[in-house]
Protein backbone atom coordinates (compact mmCIF):
# COMPACT_ATOMS: atom_id res chain seq x y z
CA MET A 1 -135.76 233.36 -7.10
CA SER A 2 -135.87 233.15 -10.83
CA ARG A 3 -133.50 230.90 -12.98
CA PRO A 4 -131.32 232.44 -15.61
CA LEU A 5 -132.67 232.00 -18.99
CA VAL A 6 -130.75 229.46 -21.08
CA PRO A 7 -131.37 229.79 -24.73
CA SER A 8 -132.66 226.60 -26.18
CA ASN A 9 -132.16 227.56 -29.69
CA PRO A 10 -128.86 226.30 -31.15
CA LEU A 11 -128.46 229.49 -33.06
CA LEU A 12 -128.52 231.51 -29.90
CA ARG A 13 -125.96 229.24 -28.27
CA SER A 14 -123.53 229.66 -31.13
CA LEU A 15 -123.94 233.45 -30.98
CA LEU A 16 -123.19 233.44 -27.29
CA GLN A 17 -120.03 231.39 -27.83
CA GLN A 18 -118.80 233.76 -30.49
CA ALA A 19 -119.47 236.70 -28.23
CA ARG A 20 -117.18 235.27 -25.51
CA PRO A 21 -113.62 236.54 -25.59
CA ARG A 22 -111.08 234.06 -27.15
CA GLN A 23 -108.06 232.98 -25.20
CA GLN A 24 -104.84 234.15 -26.79
CA PRO A 25 -102.07 231.46 -27.25
CA GLN A 26 -99.23 231.70 -24.85
CA PRO A 27 -96.12 233.00 -26.59
CA GLN A 28 -93.18 230.52 -26.68
CA PRO A 29 -90.29 231.57 -24.54
CA GLN A 30 -87.36 232.78 -26.57
CA PRO A 31 -84.12 230.91 -25.96
CA GLN A 32 -81.47 232.75 -24.19
CA PRO A 33 -78.26 233.66 -26.07
CA GLN A 34 -76.19 231.12 -24.05
CA GLN A 35 -78.57 228.29 -24.89
CA GLN A 36 -78.40 229.19 -28.57
CA GLN A 37 -74.60 229.12 -28.47
CA CYS A 38 -74.48 225.65 -26.78
CA ARG A 39 -76.94 224.30 -29.30
CA ARG A 40 -74.81 225.54 -32.23
CA ARG A 41 -71.65 223.91 -30.72
CA LEU A 42 -73.45 220.60 -30.26
CA LEU A 43 -74.65 220.58 -33.87
CA SER A 44 -71.18 221.45 -35.21
CA SER A 45 -69.47 218.64 -33.21
CA THR A 46 -72.05 216.09 -34.39
CA THR A 47 -71.49 217.10 -38.00
CA ARG A 48 -67.69 216.76 -37.68
CA ALA A 49 -68.02 213.26 -36.11
CA GLN A 50 -70.27 212.01 -38.90
CA ALA A 51 -68.23 213.46 -41.77
CA PRO A 52 -65.38 210.80 -41.87
CA THR A 53 -67.84 207.90 -41.72
CA THR A 54 -69.79 209.26 -44.63
CA ALA A 55 -66.62 209.89 -46.62
CA THR A 56 -65.32 206.40 -45.88
CA ALA A 57 -68.59 204.82 -46.92
CA THR A 58 -68.57 206.85 -50.10
CA LEU A 59 -65.00 205.76 -50.83
CA LEU A 60 -65.69 202.10 -50.17
CA PHE A 61 -68.79 201.88 -52.31
CA SER A 62 -67.63 204.10 -55.15
CA PRO A 63 -67.29 202.34 -58.54
CA ALA A 64 -63.73 203.63 -58.95
CA THR A 65 -62.44 201.85 -55.84
CA ARG A 66 -64.51 198.68 -56.22
CA SER A 67 -62.15 195.69 -57.02
CA PRO A 68 -63.16 193.17 -59.68
CA ARG A 69 -64.67 189.93 -58.39
CA GLN A 70 -62.06 187.24 -57.88
CA THR A 71 -63.19 183.94 -59.34
CA PRO A 72 -61.49 180.73 -58.11
CA LYS A 73 -59.41 178.99 -60.67
CA THR A 74 -60.28 175.36 -61.34
CA SER A 75 -58.16 172.78 -63.16
CA GLY A 76 -59.31 170.73 -66.11
CA ALA A 77 -59.66 167.60 -63.94
CA GLU A 78 -61.96 169.43 -61.51
CA GLN A 79 -64.02 170.82 -64.36
CA ARG A 80 -64.45 167.33 -65.79
CA ARG A 81 -65.23 166.00 -62.33
CA TYR A 82 -68.00 168.48 -61.70
CA LYS A 83 -69.27 168.47 -65.23
CA SER A 84 -72.90 167.54 -65.37
CA LYS A 85 -73.60 164.13 -66.85
CA THR A 86 -76.06 163.55 -69.61
CA VAL A 87 -79.22 161.57 -69.18
CA GLU A 88 -77.77 158.64 -71.15
CA GLU A 89 -74.73 158.48 -68.89
CA GLN A 90 -76.94 158.47 -65.82
CA ARG A 91 -79.06 155.69 -67.28
CA SER A 92 -75.98 153.67 -68.21
CA ARG A 93 -74.67 154.05 -64.69
CA TYR A 94 -77.87 152.78 -63.14
CA ARG A 95 -78.07 149.91 -65.64
CA THR A 96 -74.60 148.59 -64.73
CA GLY A 97 -75.21 148.91 -61.01
CA PRO A 98 -72.41 149.17 -58.44
CA PHE A 99 -70.10 146.77 -60.40
CA SER A 100 -68.33 147.79 -63.60
CA TRP A 101 -66.83 145.49 -66.22
CA LYS A 102 -63.37 146.14 -64.80
CA ALA A 103 -64.51 145.01 -61.37
CA GLY A 104 -66.04 141.92 -62.96
CA LEU A 105 -62.80 141.03 -64.74
CA LEU A 106 -60.84 141.55 -61.54
CA PHE A 107 -63.25 139.31 -59.66
CA VAL A 108 -62.99 136.55 -62.28
CA ALA A 109 -59.18 136.78 -62.36
CA ALA A 110 -58.98 136.58 -58.58
CA GLY A 111 -61.28 133.56 -58.58
CA CYS A 112 -59.20 131.78 -61.22
CA GLY A 113 -56.02 132.54 -59.30
CA LEU A 114 -57.42 131.13 -56.09
CA ALA A 115 -58.69 128.02 -57.88
CA TRP A 116 -55.26 127.44 -59.46
CA TYR A 117 -53.52 127.95 -56.12
CA PHE A 118 -55.71 125.47 -54.26
CA GLU A 119 -55.41 122.91 -57.05
CA HIS A 120 -51.62 123.32 -57.04
CA GLU A 121 -51.50 122.88 -53.27
CA LYS A 122 -53.72 119.82 -53.53
CA GLN A 123 -51.39 118.19 -56.05
CA ARG A 124 -48.34 119.13 -54.00
CA MET A 125 -49.78 117.57 -50.86
CA GLN A 126 -50.70 114.46 -52.84
CA ARG A 127 -47.12 114.14 -54.08
CA ARG A 128 -45.87 114.68 -50.56
CA ARG A 129 -48.12 111.93 -49.22
CA VAL A 130 -46.93 109.55 -51.94
CA ALA A 131 -43.30 110.34 -51.15
CA GLU A 132 -43.89 109.86 -47.43
CA ALA A 133 -45.78 106.64 -48.06
CA THR A 134 -42.75 105.14 -49.78
CA LYS A 135 -40.81 105.67 -46.55
CA GLY A 136 -43.53 104.21 -44.33
CA VAL A 137 -43.13 101.30 -41.97
CA GLY A 138 -43.89 97.92 -43.51
CA ARG A 139 -43.01 98.91 -47.07
CA PRO A 140 -39.89 97.59 -48.82
CA LYS A 141 -37.01 100.03 -48.69
CA VAL A 142 -35.56 101.09 -52.02
CA GLY A 143 -31.96 102.26 -52.08
CA GLY A 144 -29.20 102.10 -49.53
CA GLU A 145 -25.50 102.47 -48.90
CA PHE A 146 -23.04 101.35 -51.57
CA GLU A 147 -19.46 101.84 -52.74
CA LEU A 148 -18.46 101.44 -56.40
CA VAL A 149 -15.99 102.88 -58.94
CA ASP A 150 -16.82 105.64 -61.42
CA GLN A 151 -15.78 105.97 -65.09
CA ASP A 152 -12.57 107.71 -64.04
CA GLY A 153 -11.52 104.82 -61.78
CA LYS A 154 -12.27 106.74 -58.56
CA VAL A 155 -14.21 105.41 -55.61
CA PHE A 156 -17.78 106.63 -55.60
CA SER A 157 -20.19 105.94 -52.73
CA SER A 158 -23.81 106.73 -51.91
CA ALA A 159 -22.59 109.57 -49.70
CA ASP A 160 -21.48 111.43 -52.85
CA LEU A 161 -25.14 111.70 -53.88
CA ARG A 162 -26.28 113.46 -50.70
CA GLY A 163 -27.51 117.03 -50.92
CA ARG A 164 -29.11 116.72 -54.37
CA TYR A 165 -31.70 114.63 -56.10
CA SER A 166 -30.31 111.70 -58.07
CA LEU A 167 -31.75 109.84 -61.05
CA VAL A 168 -30.41 106.27 -61.10
CA TYR A 169 -30.70 103.86 -64.04
CA PHE A 170 -29.45 100.25 -64.27
CA GLY A 171 -28.31 98.79 -67.62
CA PHE A 172 -25.28 97.56 -69.53
CA THR A 173 -23.23 98.88 -72.42
CA HIS A 174 -23.83 95.90 -74.74
CA CYS A 175 -27.59 96.39 -74.66
CA PRO A 176 -28.75 96.52 -78.31
CA ASP A 177 -31.86 98.72 -78.13
CA ILE A 178 -33.60 99.33 -74.79
CA CYS A 179 -30.68 100.87 -72.89
CA PRO A 180 -29.73 103.34 -75.66
CA GLU A 181 -33.34 104.47 -75.95
CA GLU A 182 -33.67 104.92 -72.19
CA LEU A 183 -30.36 106.75 -71.92
CA ASP A 184 -31.44 109.15 -74.68
CA LYS A 185 -34.62 109.69 -72.71
CA MET A 186 -32.61 110.21 -69.54
CA ALA A 187 -30.45 112.83 -71.27
CA ARG A 188 -33.56 114.68 -72.44
CA MET A 189 -35.09 114.57 -68.95
CA PHE A 190 -31.88 115.86 -67.41
CA ASP A 191 -31.64 118.78 -69.86
CA LEU A 192 -35.23 119.84 -69.15
CA VAL A 193 -34.67 119.78 -65.41
CA GLU A 194 -31.29 121.47 -65.70
CA ALA A 195 -32.78 124.30 -67.75
CA GLU A 196 -35.16 125.22 -64.93
CA LYS A 197 -33.26 124.03 -61.84
CA PRO A 198 -29.53 123.92 -62.59
CA GLY A 199 -27.59 121.50 -60.41
CA ALA A 200 -30.70 119.98 -58.82
CA VAL A 201 -30.29 116.40 -60.14
CA THR A 202 -27.34 114.04 -60.60
CA PRO A 203 -27.77 111.43 -63.40
CA VAL A 204 -26.22 108.04 -62.54
CA PHE A 205 -25.81 104.88 -64.66
CA ILE A 206 -24.98 101.63 -62.80
CA THR A 207 -24.00 98.65 -64.91
CA CYS A 208 -25.54 95.23 -64.42
CA ASP A 209 -22.69 93.60 -66.35
CA PRO A 210 -19.48 94.31 -64.39
CA ALA A 211 -17.65 91.50 -66.17
CA ARG A 212 -17.56 93.50 -69.43
CA ASP A 213 -18.24 97.09 -68.32
CA ASP A 214 -15.02 98.43 -66.83
CA PRO A 215 -14.47 102.19 -66.14
CA LYS A 216 -12.88 102.83 -69.54
CA ILE A 217 -15.74 101.26 -71.48
CA LEU A 218 -18.29 103.13 -69.33
CA LYS A 219 -16.61 106.47 -70.02
CA THR A 220 -16.60 105.94 -73.78
CA TYR A 221 -20.15 104.64 -73.84
CA LEU A 222 -21.76 107.37 -71.68
CA ALA A 223 -20.00 110.20 -73.54
CA GLU A 224 -22.24 109.42 -76.51
CA PHE A 225 -25.34 110.32 -74.52
CA HIS A 226 -24.45 113.13 -72.11
CA PRO A 227 -21.19 114.41 -70.59
CA ALA A 228 -22.83 114.87 -67.19
CA PHE A 229 -23.66 111.18 -66.77
CA ILE A 230 -21.82 109.33 -63.99
CA GLY A 231 -21.08 105.66 -64.74
CA LEU A 232 -20.49 103.19 -61.88
CA THR A 233 -19.15 99.64 -61.88
CA GLY A 234 -17.44 97.24 -59.47
CA THR A 235 -17.09 93.61 -58.64
CA TYR A 236 -19.92 91.20 -59.27
CA GLU A 237 -20.72 91.09 -55.53
CA GLN A 238 -20.79 94.89 -55.23
CA VAL A 239 -23.09 95.28 -58.23
CA ARG A 240 -25.32 92.46 -56.98
CA ASP A 241 -25.71 94.15 -53.57
CA VAL A 242 -26.60 97.49 -55.16
CA CYS A 243 -29.20 95.90 -57.43
CA LYS A 244 -30.67 94.08 -54.44
CA ALA A 245 -30.88 97.33 -52.45
CA TYR A 246 -32.70 99.08 -55.30
CA ARG A 247 -35.02 96.09 -55.92
CA VAL A 248 -33.60 95.70 -59.43
CA TYR A 249 -33.92 92.33 -61.10
CA PHE A 250 -31.08 91.21 -63.37
CA SER A 251 -29.77 87.91 -64.63
CA THR A 252 -26.79 86.74 -66.67
CA PRO A 253 -26.52 83.42 -68.47
CA LYS A 254 -24.46 80.72 -66.83
CA ASP A 255 -21.33 79.15 -68.26
CA VAL A 256 -20.42 82.17 -70.37
CA LYS A 257 -17.04 81.87 -72.01
CA PRO A 258 -14.66 84.85 -72.12
CA GLY A 259 -15.37 87.05 -75.15
CA GLN A 260 -18.74 85.46 -75.74
CA ASP A 261 -21.61 87.86 -76.42
CA TYR A 262 -24.68 87.63 -74.23
CA LEU A 263 -27.62 89.71 -73.00
CA VAL A 264 -28.50 90.73 -69.45
CA ASP A 265 -32.11 90.79 -68.40
CA HIS A 266 -32.87 93.67 -66.01
CA SER A 267 -35.59 96.01 -64.76
CA ILE A 268 -36.27 99.17 -66.76
CA TYR A 269 -36.91 102.03 -64.36
CA PHE A 270 -35.46 105.39 -63.42
CA TYR A 271 -35.18 105.65 -59.65
CA LEU A 272 -35.61 109.17 -58.30
CA MET A 273 -33.89 109.59 -54.93
CA ASP A 274 -34.15 112.66 -52.70
CA PRO A 275 -31.17 114.60 -51.25
CA GLU A 276 -31.22 112.39 -48.13
CA GLY A 277 -30.90 109.19 -50.16
CA ASP A 278 -34.53 108.09 -49.76
CA PHE A 279 -36.57 106.72 -52.62
CA VAL A 280 -39.14 109.15 -54.07
CA GLU A 281 -40.61 107.69 -57.25
CA ALA A 282 -39.95 105.23 -60.07
CA LEU A 283 -40.32 106.54 -63.62
CA GLY A 284 -41.11 103.90 -66.22
CA ARG A 285 -41.35 103.69 -69.98
CA GLN A 286 -44.89 105.10 -69.84
CA HIS A 287 -43.46 108.50 -68.94
CA SER A 288 -42.37 110.74 -71.79
CA PRO A 289 -39.28 112.92 -71.24
CA ASP A 290 -41.48 115.98 -70.68
CA GLN A 291 -43.74 114.15 -68.23
CA ALA A 292 -40.82 112.67 -66.34
CA ALA A 293 -39.08 116.05 -66.16
CA LYS A 294 -42.24 117.63 -64.76
CA VAL A 295 -42.48 114.94 -62.07
CA ILE A 296 -38.86 115.52 -61.10
CA LEU A 297 -39.27 119.30 -61.01
CA ASP A 298 -42.38 119.02 -58.87
CA HIS A 299 -40.51 116.96 -56.30
CA VAL A 300 -37.53 119.31 -56.41
CA LYS A 301 -39.77 122.32 -55.78
CA ASP A 302 -41.62 120.55 -52.97
CA TRP A 303 -38.44 119.58 -51.15
CA LYS A 304 -38.58 120.70 -47.48
CA LYS A 305 -41.53 123.07 -48.00
């Protein structure tokens, strides 16, 4: 049986392919009228649903409806706070470090204040120890109970000095020079203390010459120095006991005739007594009025602290 002849020539193969009948494309099926109607309804509903969104977007982004940009208002202090610093200011800040000159002054002032406070407390405690030492066991007691007569002729006792500091001086009215000088000093001391602490101290003058210093003479004599001075006198025995209690030395010449002038030798000290009648300190001639007033004021301020 013979094989069919297959052309080997490419030209013949292309001619054979052209001679074959071509397949016609299948026609697309035409949509039915009902399908076309449903499709039109679907498109119309989609268009209506999208129309408001498009209009709203157009309205929102239109230049006519766009509101101007609201900028936050800032005060002048905030503007200065956030203002950029210059290079020199930054360098100055780093040169000074974390401490400014104001902080340095504050630190120095605080240090000086603390130093003054501790020094003041040290002096106060020292004065307190000295005052307590004068009351210690084994030391001679200065001061005590007494009863005399004042320049008005009234009885005056040590109980009348309780509740306030008292500054006691012993002398006599016929003293030519020392007693007047010391009484002037006492008046100055009293005025200085009274100016800062009114009513804190009672000035007292006790005579060592009761034979000549009666209440009337005391009143006239003390009025020349200060009206606040209290003058005290009494019998010779009463005055002697008071001088002994205060450790005051005094002597009068023997065999003195009535009306004869004489001098009385006595100690020259101001005795500072506290409100309870205890001895605090003796102020001598080496203390000026200002120094003595300062000592008195220091003790007054330290009382019962």
